[in-house]
Protein backbone atom coordinates (compact mmCIF):
# COMPACT_ATOMS: atom_id res chain seq x y z
CA UNK A 1 47.56 107.82 129.82
CA UNK A 2 49.44 107.66 133.10
CA UNK A 3 49.49 110.40 135.77
CA UNK A 4 52.72 111.68 134.18
CA UNK A 5 52.43 111.40 130.41
CA UNK A 6 55.42 109.63 128.87
CA UNK A 7 57.10 111.58 126.09
CA UNK A 8 59.83 110.36 123.78
CA UNK A 9 62.10 113.10 122.44
CA UNK A 10 64.00 112.16 119.27
CA UNK A 11 66.79 114.46 118.08
CA UNK A 12 70.35 113.79 117.01
CA UNK A 13 71.65 117.05 118.53
CA UNK A 14 72.54 116.28 122.15
CA UNK A 15 72.12 119.91 123.31
CA UNK A 16 68.63 120.23 121.85
CA UNK A 17 67.62 116.79 123.07
CA UNK A 18 68.79 117.51 126.65
CA UNK A 19 67.17 120.94 126.66
CA UNK A 20 63.78 119.53 125.59
CA UNK A 21 64.07 116.61 128.02
CA UNK A 22 64.89 118.96 130.92
CA UNK A 23 62.08 121.38 130.14
CA UNK A 24 59.50 118.62 129.79
CA UNK A 25 60.64 116.93 133.01
CA UNK A 26 60.39 120.23 134.86
CA UNK A 27 56.81 120.50 133.55
CA UNK A 28 56.01 117.07 135.00
CA UNK A 29 56.36 114.78 132.00
CA UNK A 30 58.01 111.35 132.16
CA UNK A 31 60.57 112.13 129.43
CA UNK A 32 62.81 109.71 127.52
CA UNK A 33 65.12 110.26 124.57
CA UNK A 34 66.44 108.68 121.37
CA UNK A 35 69.34 109.86 119.21
CA UNK A 36 68.01 108.90 115.78
CA UNK A 37 65.05 107.43 114.01
CA UNK A 38 66.20 103.81 114.26
CA UNK A 39 66.63 104.14 118.00
CA UNK A 40 63.26 105.90 118.20
CA UNK A 41 61.46 102.95 116.59
CA UNK A 42 63.06 100.65 119.17
CA UNK A 43 62.24 102.96 122.10
CA UNK A 44 58.62 103.39 120.96
CA UNK A 45 58.18 99.59 121.06
CA UNK A 46 59.75 99.42 124.56
CA UNK A 47 58.22 102.51 126.19
CA UNK A 48 54.79 102.87 124.56
CA UNK A 49 54.97 106.65 124.95
CA UNK A 50 51.93 108.89 125.12
CA UNK A 51 53.54 111.40 122.73
CA UNK A 52 56.51 111.84 120.48
CA UNK A 53 58.63 115.01 119.85
CA UNK A 54 60.44 114.20 116.61
CA UNK A 55 63.17 115.90 114.54
CA UNK A 56 63.36 115.33 110.80
CA UNK A 57 67.10 115.52 109.96
CA UNK A 58 68.74 112.58 111.69
CA UNK A 59 71.15 109.78 110.75
CA UNK A 60 70.16 106.14 110.17
CA UNK A 61 66.43 106.95 109.81
CA UNK A 62 65.00 110.47 109.52
CA UNK A 63 61.78 111.70 111.10
CA UNK A 64 59.78 110.98 107.96
CA UNK A 65 61.05 107.40 108.13
CA UNK A 66 59.80 107.13 111.71
CA UNK A 67 56.37 108.42 110.68
CA UNK A 68 56.27 105.97 107.76
CA UNK A 69 57.17 103.15 110.15
CA UNK A 70 54.43 104.15 112.58
CA UNK A 71 51.93 104.45 109.77
CA UNK A 72 52.77 100.95 108.47
CA UNK A 73 52.74 99.33 111.89
CA UNK A 74 49.87 100.95 113.78
CA UNK A 75 47.05 103.45 113.62
CA UNK A 76 48.98 106.75 113.28
CA UNK A 77 46.46 108.54 115.48
CA UNK A 78 47.41 106.30 118.42
CA UNK A 79 50.76 108.05 118.99
CA UNK A 80 50.47 111.82 118.66
CA UNK A 81 53.60 113.32 117.08
CA UNK A 82 54.97 116.87 117.28
CA UNK A 83 57.57 117.48 114.61
CA UNK A 84 60.23 119.83 116.03
CA UNK A 85 62.70 120.68 113.31
CA UNK A 86 64.78 123.40 111.66
CA UNK A 87 63.03 122.58 108.36
CA UNK A 88 60.28 125.07 107.61
CA UNK A 89 59.44 124.33 103.99
CA UNK A 90 55.68 124.03 103.32
CA UNK A 91 56.28 120.73 101.59
CA UNK A 92 57.92 119.29 104.70
CA UNK A 93 54.97 120.39 106.82
CA UNK A 94 52.51 118.83 104.34
CA UNK A 95 54.45 115.60 104.18
CA UNK A 96 54.68 115.34 107.98
CA UNK A 97 50.95 115.89 108.40
CA UNK A 98 50.11 113.49 105.61
CA UNK A 99 52.22 110.85 107.38
CA UNK A 100 50.35 111.39 110.65
CA UNK A 101 52.10 114.18 112.53
CA UNK A 102 49.63 116.12 114.69
CA UNK A 103 51.67 119.34 114.97
CA UNK A 104 54.81 120.99 113.52
CA UNK A 105 57.11 123.49 115.32
CA UNK A 106 60.26 124.95 113.88
CA UNK A 107 63.57 125.66 115.61
CA UNK A 108 64.40 127.94 117.24
CA UNK A 109 61.48 127.72 119.63
CA UNK A 110 60.64 129.19 123.01
CA UNK A 111 60.04 127.15 126.15
CA UNK A 112 56.44 128.38 126.29
CA UNK A 113 55.85 127.32 122.68
CA UNK A 114 57.25 123.85 123.41
CA UNK A 115 55.18 123.34 126.54
CA UNK A 116 51.99 124.62 124.92
CA UNK A 117 52.44 122.41 121.90
CA UNK A 118 53.16 119.27 123.95
CA UNK A 119 50.13 119.94 126.17
CA UNK A 120 47.98 120.34 123.06
CA UNK A 121 49.50 117.22 121.54
CA UNK A 122 48.28 115.15 124.48
CA UNK A 123 44.79 116.63 124.65
CA UNK A 124 42.07 114.13 123.76
CA UNK A 125 40.31 114.86 120.49
CA UNK A 126 37.12 116.90 120.67
CA UNK A 127 34.15 114.75 119.63
CA UNK A 128 32.23 116.08 116.62
CA UNK A 129 29.19 118.19 117.35
CA UNK A 130 25.86 116.43 116.82
CA UNK A 131 24.24 117.05 113.50
CA UNK A 132 21.19 119.22 113.48
CA UNK A 133 18.99 116.38 112.25
CA UNK A 134 19.98 114.30 115.33
CA UNK A 135 17.94 116.62 117.49
CA UNK A 136 14.75 116.08 115.57
CA UNK A 137 12.34 113.50 116.96
């Protein structure tokens, strides 16, 4: 990861997309945007972002389609994804996680929630604790 983590924000609503981009830039992230899922797939290939903030309801290809594309093309754990959507149904959350999303935040959201979730999204995974029998000689 670079000194300024590169984040791709994908949302079809220009006001939400610009708000997220501005807040993340103010927090020191190298932030880029896409207007829909099809554009997101193209931008991911060009930018190789460190993280993805992804809406579900979008034209051309929805957020689930983007997750399915990522899952088919690469290891889904390589690009951490925060779903940021107005959809709050438990089935949507389960589907997003099953397709590789690392986190799920519903709209409306606060700036502090967004920044905390993006920071957590980019944190390296914690290695598993050693098993007890590994300590025995």
